Amino acid sequence: MRLIRMLRYRGEGFRETEDWVAEEGLLLLRIDGDGERRFAFTPEMVRPFVYGHLLGAGLIRAPGDVVSYRETVRPDVGMPGEVIEVEVTLRGARGFGGAEGTIWTSCGEDVPG
């Protein structure tokens, strides 16, 4: 979330105000160094999001199945958001186990590219 200044219209006209807006970022997830999955999402609560994805994809059964977790944040070149890179190593080296692409969290559908 980001606080921005804006003009808001109310019945009789515009007035300057501030408000919070959702900010979209990009998550690059690397699992056991095997491929990369990209998620477009609001970059909050990253670690729970990653663990939830790993659990939902059947790659882990419990948080202890994640042996290592490394998160790096960098500005997105040419866009107002940020890129969050996460690298995880899983117990039992389950591998990536999925097609690569961008997952748009609003619809949960894989999109090539």
PDB file of N, CA and C in Angstrom:
ATOM      1  N   MET A   1       0.853  -1.182   0.000  1.00  0.00           N
ATOM      2  CA  MET A   1       0.000   0.000   0.000  1.00  0.00           C
ATOM      3  C   MET A   1       0.893   1.239   0.000  1.00  0.00           C
ATOM      4  N   ARG A   2       0.372   2.251  -0.681  1.00  0.00           N
ATOM      5  CA  ARG A   2       1.129   3.496  -0.777  1.00  0.00           C
ATOM      6  C   ARG A   2       0.169   4.663  -0.617  1.00  0.00           C
ATOM      7  N   LEU A   3       0.567   5.669   0.140  1.00  0.00           N
ATOM      8  CA  LEU A   3      -0.230   6.872   0.344  1.00  0.00           C
ATOM      9  C   LEU A   3       0.091   7.852  -0.783  1.00  0.00           C
ATOM     10  N   ILE A   4      -0.960   8.298  -1.502  1.00  0.00           N
ATOM     11  CA  ILE A   4      -0.745   9.252  -2.598  1.00  0.00           C
ATOM     12  C   ILE A   4      -1.660  10.464  -2.436  1.00  0.00           C
ATOM     13  N   ARG A   5      -1.233  11.566  -3.050  1.00  0.00           N
ATOM     14  CA  ARG A   5      -2.075  12.768  -3.109  1.00  0.00           C
ATOM     15  C   ARG A   5      -2.923  12.663  -4.366  1.00  0.00           C
ATOM     16  N   MET A   6      -4.178  13.097  -4.275  1.00  0.00           N
ATOM     17  CA  MET A   6      -5.090  12.983  -5.414  1.00  0.00           C
ATOM     18  C   MET A   6      -6.164  14.056  -5.342  1.00  0.00           C
ATOM     19  N   LEU A   7      -6.871  14.182  -6.463  1.00  0.00           N
ATOM     20  CA  LEU A   7      -8.070  15.006  -6.501  1.00  0.00           C
ATOM     21  C   LEU A   7      -9.259  14.059  -6.441  1.00  0.00           C
ATOM     22  N   ARG A   8     -10.173  14.311  -5.508  1.00  0.00           N
ATOM     23  CA  ARG A   8     -11.358  13.458  -5.363  1.00  0.00           C
ATOM     24  C   ARG A   8     -12.590  14.309  -5.643  1.00  0.00           C
ATOM     25  N   TYR A   9     -13.479  13.755  -6.452  1.00  0.00           N
ATOM     26  CA  TYR A   9     -14.708  14.461  -6.799  1.00  0.00           C
ATOM     27  C   TYR A   9     -15.794  14.124  -5.788  1.00  0.00           C
ATOM     28  N   ARG A  10     -16.406  15.135  -5.240  1.00  0.00           N
ATOM     29  CA  ARG A  10     -17.554  14.994  -4.332  1.00  0.00           C
ATOM     30  C   ARG A  10     -18.638  15.939  -4.813  1.00  0.00           C
ATOM     31  N   GLY A  11     -19.764  15.397  -5.227  1.00  0.00           N
ATOM     32  CA  GLY A  11     -20.929  16.158  -5.665  1.00  0.00           C
ATOM     33  C   GLY A  11     -20.716  17.554  -6.203  1.00  0.00           C
ATOM     34  N   GLU A  12     -20.133  18.462  -5.423  1.00  0.00           N
ATOM     35  CA  GLU A  12     -19.999  19.865  -5.829  1.00  0.00           C
ATOM     36  C   GLU A  12     -18.664  20.192  -6.497  1.00  0.00           C
ATOM     37  N   GLY A  13     -17.730  19.259  -6.531  1.00  0.00           N
ATOM     38  CA  GLY A  13     -16.459  19.548  -7.206  1.00  0.00           C
ATOM     39  C   GLY A  13     -15.316  18.690  -6.686  1.00  0.00           C
ATOM     40  N   PHE A  14     -14.128  19.052  -7.125  1.00  0.00           N
ATOM     41  CA  PHE A  14     -12.924  18.326  -6.741  1.00  0.00           C
ATOM     42  C   PHE A  14     -12.283  18.967  -5.524  1.00  0.00           C
ATOM     43  N   ARG A  15     -11.660  18.119  -4.705  1.00  0.00           N
ATOM     44  CA  ARG A  15     -10.840  18.652  -3.625  1.00  0.00           C
ATOM     45  C   ARG A  15      -9.609  17.769  -3.482  1.00  0.00           C
ATOM     46  N   GLU A  16      -8.508  18.403  -3.083  1.00  0.00           N
ATOM     47  CA  GLU A  16      -7.254  17.671  -2.929  1.00  0.00           C
ATOM     48  C   GLU A  16      -7.276  16.906  -1.609  1.00  0.00           C
ATOM     49  N   THR A  17      -6.814  15.658  -1.665  1.00  0.00           N
ATOM     50  CA  THR A  17      -6.799  14.811  -0.480  1.00  0.00           C
ATOM     51  C   THR A  17      -5.684  13.762  -0.614  1.00  0.00           C
ATOM     52  N   GLU A  18      -5.506  12.961   0.405  1.00  0.00           N
ATOM     53  CA  GLU A  18      -4.584  11.827   0.365  1.00  0.00           C
ATOM     54  C   GLU A  18      -5.384  10.561   0.609  1.00  0.00           C
ATOM     55  N   ASP A  19      -4.937   9.472   0.008  1.00  0.00           N
ATOM     56  CA  ASP A  19      -5.605   8.189   0.235  1.00  0.00           C
ATOM     57  C   ASP A  19      -4.622   7.064  -0.052  1.00  0.00           C
ATOM     58  N   TRP A  20      -4.918   5.914   0.516  1.00  0.00           N
ATOM     59  CA  TRP A  20      -4.095   4.724   0.311  1.00  0.00           C
ATOM     60  C   TRP A  20      -4.564   3.997  -0.934  1.00  0.00           C
ATOM     61  N   VAL A  21      -3.618   3.541  -1.743  1.00  0.00           N
ATOM     62  CA  VAL A  21      -3.936   2.758  -2.936  1.00  0.00           C
ATOM     63  C   VAL A  21      -3.139   1.454  -2.892  1.00  0.00           C
ATOM     64  N   ALA A  22      -3.737   0.429  -3.469  1.00  0.00           N
ATOM     65  CA  ALA A  22      -3.029  -0.845  -3.575  1.00  0.00           C
ATOM     66  C   ALA A  22      -1.917  -0.694  -4.598  1.00  0.00           C
ATOM     67  N   GLU A  23      -0.803  -1.311  -4.308  1.00  0.00           N
ATOM     68  CA  GLU A  23       0.343  -1.237  -5.202  1.00  0.00           C
ATOM     69  C   GLU A  23       0.675  -2.652  -5.652  1.00  0.00           C
ATOM     70  N   GLU A  24       0.832  -2.836  -6.948  1.00  0.00           N
ATOM     71  CA  GLU A  24       1.142  -4.164  -7.455  1.00  0.00           C
ATOM     72  C   GLU A  24       2.639  -4.292  -7.670  1.00  0.00           C
ATOM     73  N   GLY A  25       3.160  -5.439  -7.291  1.00  0.00           N
ATOM     74  CA  GLY A  25       4.569  -5.728  -7.478  1.00  0.00           C
ATOM     75  C   GLY A  25       4.724  -7.085  -8.137  1.00  0.00           C
ATOM     76  N   LEU A  26       5.952  -7.513  -8.259  1.00  0.00           N
ATOM     77  CA  LEU A  26       6.247  -8.790  -8.892  1.00  0.00           C
ATOM     78  C   LEU A  26       7.065  -9.639  -7.929  1.00  0.00           C
ATOM     79  N   LEU A  27       6.670 -10.891  -7.775  1.00  0.00           N
ATOM     80  CA  LEU A  27       7.407 -11.846  -6.954  1.00  0.00           C
ATOM     81  C   LEU A  27       8.025 -12.879  -7.881  1.00  0.00           C
ATOM     82  N   LEU A  28       9.329 -13.054  -7.779  1.00  0.00           N
ATOM     83  CA  LEU A  28      10.039 -14.097  -8.521  1.00  0.00           C
ATOM     84  C   LEU A  28      10.393 -15.181  -7.505  1.00  0.00           C
ATOM     85  N   LEU A  29       9.848 -16.364  -7.673  1.00  0.00           N
ATOM     86  CA  LEU A  29      10.059 -17.467  -6.739  1.00  0.00           C
ATOM     87  C   LEU A  29      10.914 -18.535  -7.401  1.00  0.00           C
ATOM     88  N   ARG A  30      12.039 -18.818  -6.786  1.00  0.00           N
ATOM     89  CA  ARG A  30      12.927 -19.889  -7.258  1.00  0.00           C
ATOM     90  C   ARG A  30      12.941 -20.988  -6.205  1.00  0.00           C
ATOM     91  N   ILE A  31      12.658 -22.209  -6.646  1.00  0.00           N
ATOM     92  CA  ILE A  31      12.580 -23.346  -5.738  1.00  0.00           C
ATOM     93  C   ILE A  31      13.702 -24.313  -6.070  1.00  0.00           C
ATOM     94  N   ASP A  32      14.580 -24.560  -5.108  1.00  0.00           N
ATOM     95  CA  ASP A  32      15.703 -25.494  -5.287  1.00  0.00           C
ATOM     96  C   ASP A  32      16.514 -25.182  -6.536  1.00  0.00           C
ATOM     97  N   GLY A  33      16.605 -23.911  -6.919  1.00  0.00           N
ATOM     98  CA  GLY A  33      17.385 -23.517  -8.088  1.00  0.00           C
ATOM     99  C   GLY A  33      16.858 -24.068  -9.398  1.00  0.00           C
ATOM    100  N   ASP A  34      15.598 -24.523  -9.404  1.00  0.00           N
ATOM    101  CA  ASP A  34      15.027 -25.208 -10.570  1.00  0.00           C
ATOM    102  C   ASP A  34      13.878 -24.390 -11.143  1.00  0.00           C
ATOM    103  N   GLY A  35      14.165 -23.477 -12.062  1.00  0.00           N
ATOM    104  CA  GLY A  35      13.107 -22.694 -12.693  1.00  0.00           C
ATOM    105  C   GLY A  35      12.681 -21.509 -11.854  1.00  0.00           C
ATOM    106  N   GLU A  36      11.751 -20.773 -12.372  1.00  0.00           N
ATOM    107  CA  GLU A  36      11.272 -19.564 -11.716  1.00  0.00           C
ATOM    108  C   GLU A  36       9.783 -19.408 -11.985  1.00  0.00           C
ATOM    109  N   ARG A  37       9.053 -19.034 -10.989  1.00  0.00           N
ATOM    110  CA  ARG A  37       7.632 -18.734 -11.139  1.00  0.00           C
ATOM    111  C   ARG A  37       7.436 -17.280 -10.749  1.00  0.00           C
ATOM    112  N   ARG A  38       6.647 -16.544 -11.534  1.00  0.00           N
ATOM    113  CA  ARG A  38       6.406 -15.124 -11.288  1.00  0.00           C
ATOM    114  C   ARG A  38       4.959 -14.909 -10.857  1.00  0.00           C
ATOM    115  N   PHE A  39       4.801 -14.052  -9.865  1.00  0.00           N
ATOM    116  CA  PHE A  39       3.460 -13.706  -9.371  1.00  0.00           C
ATOM    117  C   PHE A  39       3.302 -12.195  -9.404  1.00  0.00           C
ATOM    118  N   ALA A  40       2.210 -11.704  -9.955  1.00  0.00           N
ATOM    119  CA  ALA A  40       1.842 -10.298  -9.832  1.00  0.00           C
ATOM    120  C   ALA A  40       0.932 -10.224  -8.610  1.00  0.00           C
ATOM    121  N   PHE A  41       1.322  -9.406  -7.618  1.00  0.00           N
ATOM    122  CA  PHE A  41       0.553  -9.378  -6.381  1.00  0.00           C
ATOM    123  C   PHE A  41       0.846  -8.100  -5.600  1.00  0.00           C
ATOM    124  N   THR A  42       0.056  -7.840  -4.571  1.00  0.00           N
ATOM    125  CA  THR A  42       0.323  -6.739  -3.660  1.00  0.00           C
ATOM    126  C   THR A  42       1.406  -7.209  -2.704  1.00  0.00           C
ATOM    127  N   PRO A  43       2.564  -6.564  -2.708  1.00  0.00           N
ATOM    128  CA  PRO A  43       3.722  -7.076  -1.967  1.00  0.00           C
ATOM    129  C   PRO A  43       3.651  -6.864  -0.460  1.00  0.00           C
ATOM    130  N   GLU A  44       2.728  -7.525   0.173  1.00  0.00           N
ATOM    131  CA  GLU A  44       2.616  -7.511   1.629  1.00  0.00           C
ATOM    132  C   GLU A  44       2.558  -8.954   2.114  1.00  0.00           C
ATOM    133  N   MET A  45       3.125  -9.218   3.265  1.00  0.00           N
ATOM    134  CA  MET A  45       3.099 -10.556   3.859  1.00  0.00           C
ATOM    135  C   MET A  45       3.659 -11.582   2.860  1.00  0.00           C
ATOM    136  N   VAL A  46       4.851 -11.302   2.360  1.00  0.00           N
ATOM    137  CA  VAL A  46       5.464 -12.111   1.311  1.00  0.00           C
ATOM    138  C   VAL A  46       5.713 -13.539   1.781  1.00  0.00           C
ATOM    139  N   ARG A  47       6.340 -13.688   2.943  1.00  0.00           N
ATOM    140  CA  ARG A  47       6.679 -15.031   3.418  1.00  0.00           C
ATOM    141  C   ARG A  47       5.434 -15.914   3.576  1.00  0.00           C
ATOM    142  N   PRO A  48       4.351 -15.438   4.224  1.00  0.00           N
ATOM    143  CA  PRO A  48       3.142 -16.270   4.298  1.00  0.00           C
ATOM    144  C   PRO A  48       2.578 -16.601   2.916  1.00  0.00           C
ATOM    145  N   PHE A  49       2.669 -15.667   1.969  1.00  0.00           N
ATOM    146  CA  PHE A  49       2.205 -15.924   0.613  1.00  0.00           C
ATOM    147  C   PHE A  49       3.002 -17.071  -0.016  1.00  0.00           C
ATOM    148  N   VAL A  50       4.331 -17.019   0.105  1.00  0.00           N
ATOM    149  CA  VAL A  50       5.199 -18.050  -0.485  1.00  0.00           C
ATOM    150  C   VAL A  50       4.915 -19.404   0.162  1.00  0.00           C
ATOM    151  N   TYR A  51       4.858 -19.449   1.489  1.00  0.00           N
ATOM    152  CA  TYR A  51       4.592 -20.716   2.175  1.00  0.00           C
ATOM    153  C   TYR A  51       3.217 -21.257   1.790  1.00  0.00           C
ATOM    154  N   GLY A  52       2.234 -20.387   1.677  1.00  0.00           N
ATOM    155  CA  GLY A  52       0.894 -20.816   1.268  1.00  0.00           C
ATOM    156  C   GLY A  52       0.897 -21.396  -0.140  1.00  0.00           C
ATOM    157  N   HIS A  53       1.660 -20.761  -1.042  1.00  0.00           N
ATOM    158  CA  HIS A  53       1.756 -21.286  -2.404  1.00  0.00           C
ATOM    159  C   HIS A  53       2.426 -22.658  -2.399  1.00  0.00           C
ATOM    160  N   LEU A  54       3.516 -22.787  -1.661  1.00  0.00           N
ATOM    161  CA  LEU A  54       4.232 -24.068  -1.610  1.00  0.00           C
ATOM    162  C   LEU A  54       3.334 -25.167  -1.042  1.00  0.00           C
ATOM    163  N   LEU A  55       2.563 -24.837  -0.018  1.00  0.00           N
ATOM    164  CA  LEU A  55       1.642 -25.803   0.581  1.00  0.00           C
ATOM    165  C   LEU A  55       0.525 -26.158  -0.403  1.00  0.00           C
ATOM    166  N   GLY A  56      -0.072 -25.142  -1.018  1.00  0.00           N
ATOM    167  CA  GLY A  56      -1.169 -25.370  -1.964  1.00  0.00           C
ATOM    168  C   GLY A  56      -0.737 -26.144  -3.202  1.00  0.00           C
ATOM    169  N   ALA A  57       0.524 -25.978  -3.605  1.00  0.00           N
ATOM    170  CA  ALA A  57       1.046 -26.681  -4.775  1.00  0.00           C
ATOM    171  C   ALA A  57       1.526 -28.091  -4.424  1.00  0.00           C
ATOM    172  N   GLY A  58       1.434 -28.453  -3.136  1.00  0.00           N
ATOM    173  CA  GLY A  58       1.843 -29.786  -2.703  1.00  0.00           C
ATOM    174  C   GLY A  58       3.346 -29.977  -2.614  1.00  0.00           C
ATOM    175  N   LEU A  59       4.094 -28.864  -2.571  1.00  0.00           N
ATOM    176  CA  LEU A  59       5.549 -28.958  -2.508  1.00  0.00           C
ATOM    177  C   LEU A  59       6.067 -29.080  -1.080  1.00  0.00           C
ATOM    178  N   ILE A  60       5.256 -28.668  -0.094  1.00  0.00           N
ATOM    179  CA  ILE A  60       5.601 -28.857   1.310  1.00  0.00           C
ATOM    180  C   ILE A  60       4.362 -29.350   2.049  1.00  0.00           C
ATOM    181  N   ARG A  61       4.609 -29.981   3.199  1.00  0.00           N
ATOM    182  CA  ARG A  61       3.501 -30.404   4.056  1.00  0.00           C
ATOM    183  C   ARG A  61       3.426 -29.585   5.338  1.00  0.00           C
ATOM    184  N   ALA A  62       4.566 -28.949   5.678  1.00  0.00           N
ATOM    185  CA  ALA A  62       4.650 -28.143   6.893  1.00  0.00           C
ATOM    186  C   ALA A  62       5.745 -27.095   6.699  1.00  0.00           C
ATOM    187  N   PRO A  63       5.700 -25.999   7.472  1.00  0.00           N
ATOM    188  CA  PRO A  63       6.722 -24.961   7.330  1.00  0.00           C
ATOM    189  C   PRO A  63       8.149 -25.489   7.491  1.00  0.00           C
ATOM    190  N   GLY A  64       8.342 -26.532   8.286  1.00  0.00           N
ATOM    191  CA  GLY A  64       9.664 -27.101   8.484  1.00  0.00           C
ATOM    192  C   GLY A  64      10.255 -27.747   7.239  1.00  0.00           C
ATOM    193  N   ASP A  65       9.435 -27.956   6.203  1.00  0.00           N
ATOM    194  CA  ASP A  65       9.937 -28.507   4.948  1.00  0.00           C
ATOM    195  C   ASP A  65      10.724 -27.481   4.138  1.00  0.00           C
ATOM    196  N   VAL A  66      10.662 -26.208   4.556  1.00  0.00           N
ATOM    197  CA  VAL A  66      11.470 -25.165   3.916  1.00  0.00           C
ATOM    198  C   VAL A  66      12.785 -25.086   4.691  1.00  0.00           C
ATOM    199  N   VAL A  67      13.855 -25.547   4.056  1.00  0.00           N
ATOM    200  CA  VAL A  67      15.167 -25.599   4.699  1.00  0.00           C
ATOM    201  C   VAL A  67      15.831 -24.228   4.711  1.00  0.00           C
ATOM    202  N   SER A  68      15.692 -23.484   3.612  1.00  0.00           N
ATOM    203  CA  SER A  68      16.237 -22.125   3.575  1.00  0.00           C
ATOM    204  C   SER A  68      15.283 -21.213   2.818  1.00  0.00           C
ATOM    205  N   TYR A  69      15.279 -19.948   3.234  1.00  0.00           N
ATOM    206  CA  TYR A  69      14.418 -18.921   2.644  1.00  0.00           C
ATOM    207  C   TYR A  69      15.239 -17.645   2.564  1.00  0.00           C
ATOM    208  N   ARG A  70      15.372 -17.094   1.358  1.00  0.00           N
ATOM    209  CA  ARG A  70      16.091 -15.831   1.192  1.00  0.00           C
ATOM    210  C   ARG A  70      15.239 -14.888   0.359  1.00  0.00           C
ATOM    211  N   GLU A  71      15.043 -13.678   0.869  1.00  0.00           N
ATOM    212  CA  GLU A  71      14.182 -12.682   0.219  1.00  0.00           C
ATOM    213  C   GLU A  71      14.996 -11.423  -0.065  1.00  0.00           C
ATOM    214  N   THR A  72      14.914 -10.937  -1.306  1.00  0.00           N
ATOM    215  CA  THR A  72      15.591  -9.717  -1.721  1.00  0.00           C
ATOM    216  C   THR A  72      14.568  -8.811  -2.390  1.00  0.00           C
ATOM    217  N   VAL A  73      14.597  -7.523  -2.048  1.00  0.00           N
ATOM    218  CA  VAL A  73      13.671  -6.552  -2.631  1.00  0.00           C
ATOM    219  C   VAL A  73      14.474  -5.543  -3.438  1.00  0.00           C
ATOM    220  N   ARG A  74      14.011  -5.273  -4.659  1.00  0.00           N
ATOM    221  CA  ARG A  74      14.657  -4.261  -5.496  1.00  0.00           C
ATOM    222  C   ARG A  74      13.578  -3.498  -6.255  1.00  0.00           C
ATOM    223  N   PRO A  75      13.864  -2.241  -6.617  1.00  0.00           N
ATOM    224  CA  PRO A  75      12.882  -1.479  -7.408  1.00  0.00           C
ATOM    225  C   PRO A  75      12.712  -2.111  -8.777  1.00  0.00           C
ATOM    226  N   ASP A  76      11.495  -2.033  -9.306  1.00  0.00           N
ATOM    227  CA  ASP A  76      11.215  -2.539 -10.650  1.00  0.00           C
ATOM    228  C   ASP A  76      11.614  -1.456 -11.646  1.00  0.00           C
ATOM    229  N   VAL A  77      12.479  -1.784 -12.575  1.00  0.00           N
ATOM    230  CA  VAL A  77      12.952  -0.816 -13.565  1.00  0.00           C
ATOM    231  C   VAL A  77      11.793  -0.423 -14.476  1.00  0.00           C
ATOM    232  N   GLY A  78      11.519   0.866 -14.543  1.00  0.00           N
ATOM    233  CA  GLY A  78      10.503   1.380 -15.446  1.00  0.00           C
ATOM    234  C   GLY A  78       9.073   1.278 -14.928  1.00  0.00           C
ATOM    235  N   MET A  79       8.890   0.795 -13.690  1.00  0.00           N
ATOM    236  CA  MET A  79       7.546   0.691 -13.128  1.00  0.00           C
ATOM    237  C   MET A  79       7.571   1.211 -11.696  1.00  0.00           C
ATOM    238  N   PRO A  80       6.425   1.628 -11.169  1.00  0.00           N
ATOM    239  CA  PRO A  80       6.412   2.207  -9.828  1.00  0.00           C
ATOM    240  C   PRO A  80       6.509   1.188  -8.685  1.00  0.00           C
ATOM    241  N   GLY A  81       6.341  -0.090  -8.966  1.00  0.00           N
ATOM    242  CA  GLY A  81       6.356  -1.094  -7.911  1.00  0.00           C
ATOM    243  C   GLY A  81       7.744  -1.604  -7.609  1.00  0.00           C
ATOM    244  N   GLU A  82       7.804  -2.760  -6.972  1.00  0.00           N
ATOM    245  CA  GLU A  82       9.075  -3.373  -6.657  1.00  0.00           C
ATOM    246  C   GLU A  82       9.058  -4.838  -7.056  1.00  0.00           C
ATOM    247  N   VAL A  83      10.242  -5.416  -7.159  1.00  0.00           N
ATOM    248  CA  VAL A  83      10.390  -6.830  -7.461  1.00  0.00           C
ATOM    249  C   VAL A  83      10.933  -7.500  -6.209  1.00  0.00           C
ATOM    250  N   ILE A  84      10.276  -8.561  -5.804  1.00  0.00           N
ATOM    251  CA  ILE A  84      10.728  -9.326  -4.649  1.00  0.00           C
ATOM    252  C   ILE A  84      11.194 -10.675  -5.165  1.00  0.00           C
ATOM    253  N   GLU A  85      12.454 -10.976  -4.923  1.00  0.00           N
ATOM    254  CA  GLU A  85      13.017 -12.254  -5.331  1.00  0.00           C
ATOM    255  C   GLU A  85      13.119 -13.148  -4.104  1.00  0.00           C
ATOM    256  N   VAL A  86      12.550 -14.343  -4.198  1.00  0.00           N
ATOM    257  CA  VAL A  86      12.596 -15.295  -3.092  1.00  0.00           C
ATOM    258  C   VAL A  86      13.197 -16.596  -3.608  1.00  0.00           C
ATOM    259  N   GLU A  87      14.191 -17.077  -2.888  1.00  0.00           N
ATOM    260  CA  GLU A  87      14.798 -18.374  -3.197  1.00  0.00           C
ATOM    261  C   GLU A  87      14.588 -19.279  -1.999  1.00  0.00           C
ATOM    262  N   VAL A  88      14.030 -20.461  -2.247  1.00  0.00           N
ATOM    263  CA  VAL A  88      13.815 -21.425  -1.177  1.00  0.00           C
ATOM    264  C   VAL A  88      14.454 -22.759  -1.542  1.00  0.00           C
ATOM    265  N   THR A  89      14.880 -23.465  -0.524  1.00  0.00           N
ATOM    266  CA  THR A  89      15.347 -24.837  -0.666  1.00  0.00           C
ATOM    267  C   THR A  89      14.417 -25.686   0.172  1.00  0.00           C
ATOM    268  N   LEU A  90      13.922 -26.765  -0.408  1.00  0.00           N
ATOM    269  CA  LEU A  90      12.950 -27.611   0.275  1.00  0.00           C
ATOM    270  C   LEU A  90      13.585 -28.921   0.732  1.00  0.00           C
ATOM    271  N   ARG A  91      13.114 -29.410   1.856  1.00  0.00           N
ATOM    272  CA  ARG A  91      13.547 -30.718   2.355  1.00  0.00           C
ATOM    273  C   ARG A  91      13.102 -31.776   1.345  1.00  0.00           C
ATOM    274  N   GLY A  92      13.998 -32.677   1.013  1.00  0.00           N
ATOM    275  CA  GLY A  92      13.651 -33.737   0.079  1.00  0.00           C
ATOM    276  C   GLY A  92      13.791 -33.328  -1.379  1.00  0.00           C
ATOM    277  N   ALA A  93      14.282 -32.092  -1.645  1.00  0.00           N
ATOM    278  CA  ALA A  93      14.523 -31.611  -3.010  1.00  0.00           C
ATOM    279  C   ALA A  93      13.408 -32.017  -3.962  1.00  0.00           C
ATOM    280  N   ARG A  94      12.207 -31.527  -3.695  1.00  0.00           N
ATOM    281  CA  ARG A  94      11.049 -31.864  -4.525  1.00  0.00           C
ATOM    282  C   ARG A  94      11.108 -31.228  -5.902  1.00  0.00           C
ATOM    283  N   GLY A  95      11.944 -30.222  -6.070  1.00  0.00           N
ATOM    284  CA  GLY A  95      12.049 -29.557  -7.369  1.00  0.00           C
ATOM    285  C   GLY A  95      10.896 -28.590  -7.590  1.00  0.00           C
ATOM    286  N   PHE A  96      10.894 -28.014  -8.752  1.00  0.00           N
ATOM    287  CA  PHE A  96       9.937 -26.946  -9.052  1.00  0.00           C
ATOM    288  C   PHE A  96       8.533 -27.472  -9.246  1.00  0.00           C
ATOM    289  N   GLY A  97       8.372 -28.508 -10.034  1.00  0.00           N
ATOM    290  CA  GLY A  97       7.076 -29.167 -10.173  1.00  0.00           C
ATOM    291  C   GLY A  97       5.979 -28.353 -10.806  1.00  0.00           C
ATOM    292  N   GLY A  98       6.276 -27.490 -11.748  1.00  0.00           N
ATOM    293  CA  GLY A  98       5.198 -26.749 -12.399  1.00  0.00           C
ATOM    294  C   GLY A  98       5.684 -25.979 -13.593  1.00  0.00           C
ATOM    295  N   ALA A  99       4.758 -25.595 -14.433  1.00  0.00           N
ATOM    296  CA  ALA A  99       5.093 -24.806 -15.612  1.00  0.00           C
ATOM    297  C   ALA A  99       5.499 -23.408 -15.189  1.00  0.00           C
ATOM    298  N   GLU A 100       6.417 -22.837 -15.939  1.00  0.00           N
ATOM    299  CA  GLU A 100       6.820 -21.475 -15.650  1.00  0.00           C
ATOM    300  C   GLU A 100       5.832 -20.510 -16.280  1.00  0.00           C
ATOM    301  N   GLY A 101       5.756 -19.312 -15.740  1.00  0.00           N
ATOM    302  CA  GLY A 101       4.871 -18.292 -16.270  1.00  0.00           C
ATOM    303  C   GLY A 101       4.523 -17.321 -15.166  1.00  0.00           C
ATOM    304  N   THR A 102       3.695 -16.353 -15.481  1.00  0.00           N
ATOM    305  CA  THR A 102       3.243 -15.387 -14.487  1.00  0.00           C
ATOM    306  C   THR A 102       1.895 -15.825 -13.962  1.00  0.00           C
ATOM    307  N   ILE A 103       1.752 -15.819 -12.653  1.00  0.00           N
ATOM    308  CA  ILE A 103       0.472 -16.155 -12.041  1.00  0.00           C
ATOM    309  C   ILE A 103      -0.141 -14.846 -11.556  1.00  0.00           C
ATOM    310  N   TRP A 104      -1.249 -14.499 -12.173  1.00  0.00           N
ATOM    311  CA  TRP A 104      -1.959 -13.282 -11.800  1.00  0.00           C
ATOM    312  C   TRP A 104      -2.880 -13.655 -10.654  1.00  0.00           C
ATOM    313  N   THR A 105      -2.571 -13.199  -9.454  1.00  0.00           N
ATOM    314  CA  THR A 105      -3.271 -13.659  -8.269  1.00  0.00           C
ATOM    315  C   THR A 105      -4.749 -13.318  -8.259  1.00  0.00           C
ATOM    316  N   SER A 106      -5.165 -12.337  -9.049  1.00  0.00           N
ATOM    317  CA  SER A 106      -6.584 -11.993  -9.064  1.00  0.00           C
ATOM    318  C   SER A 106      -7.423 -13.099  -9.675  1.00  0.00           C
ATOM    319  N   CYS A 107      -6.822 -13.920 -10.553  1.00  0.00           N
ATOM    320  CA  CYS A 107      -7.610 -14.982 -11.183  1.00  0.00           C
ATOM    321  C   CYS A 107      -6.998 -16.352 -10.983  1.00  0.00           C
ATOM    322  N   GLY A 108      -5.771 -16.435 -10.461  1.00  0.00           N
ATOM    323  CA  GLY A 108      -5.133 -17.706 -10.186  1.00  0.00           C
ATOM    324  C   GLY A 108      -4.819 -18.535 -11.407  1.00  0.00           C
ATOM    325  N   GLU A 109      -4.663 -17.895 -12.541  1.00  0.00           N
ATOM    326  CA  GLU A 109      -4.456 -18.613 -13.798  1.00  0.00           C
ATOM    327  C   GLU A 109      -3.033 -18.393 -14.301  1.00  0.00           C
ATOM    328  N   ASP A 110      -2.394 -19.444 -14.790  1.00  0.00           N
ATOM    329  CA  ASP A 110      -1.064 -19.326 -15.372  1.00  0.00           C
ATOM    330  C   ASP A 110      -1.162 -18.625 -16.717  1.00  0.00           C
ATOM    331  N   VAL A 111      -0.275 -17.656 -16.933  1.00  0.00           N
ATOM    332  CA  VAL A 111      -0.220 -16.960 -18.201  1.00  0.00           C
ATOM    333  C   VAL A 111       1.199 -17.103 -18.732  1.00  0.00           C
ATOM    334  N   PRO A 112       1.388 -17.672 -19.917  1.00  0.00           N
ATOM    335  CA  PRO A 112       2.749 -17.831 -20.441  1.00  0.00           C
ATOM    336  C   PRO A 112       3.476 -16.503 -20.528  1.00  0.00           C
ATOM    337  N   GLY A 113       4.787 -16.564 -20.297  1.00  0.00           N
ATOM    338  CA  GLY A 113       5.598 -15.352 -20.457  1.00  0.00           C
ATOM    339  C   GLY A 113       6.185 -14.943 -19.236  1.00  0.00           C
TER     340      GLY A 113
END
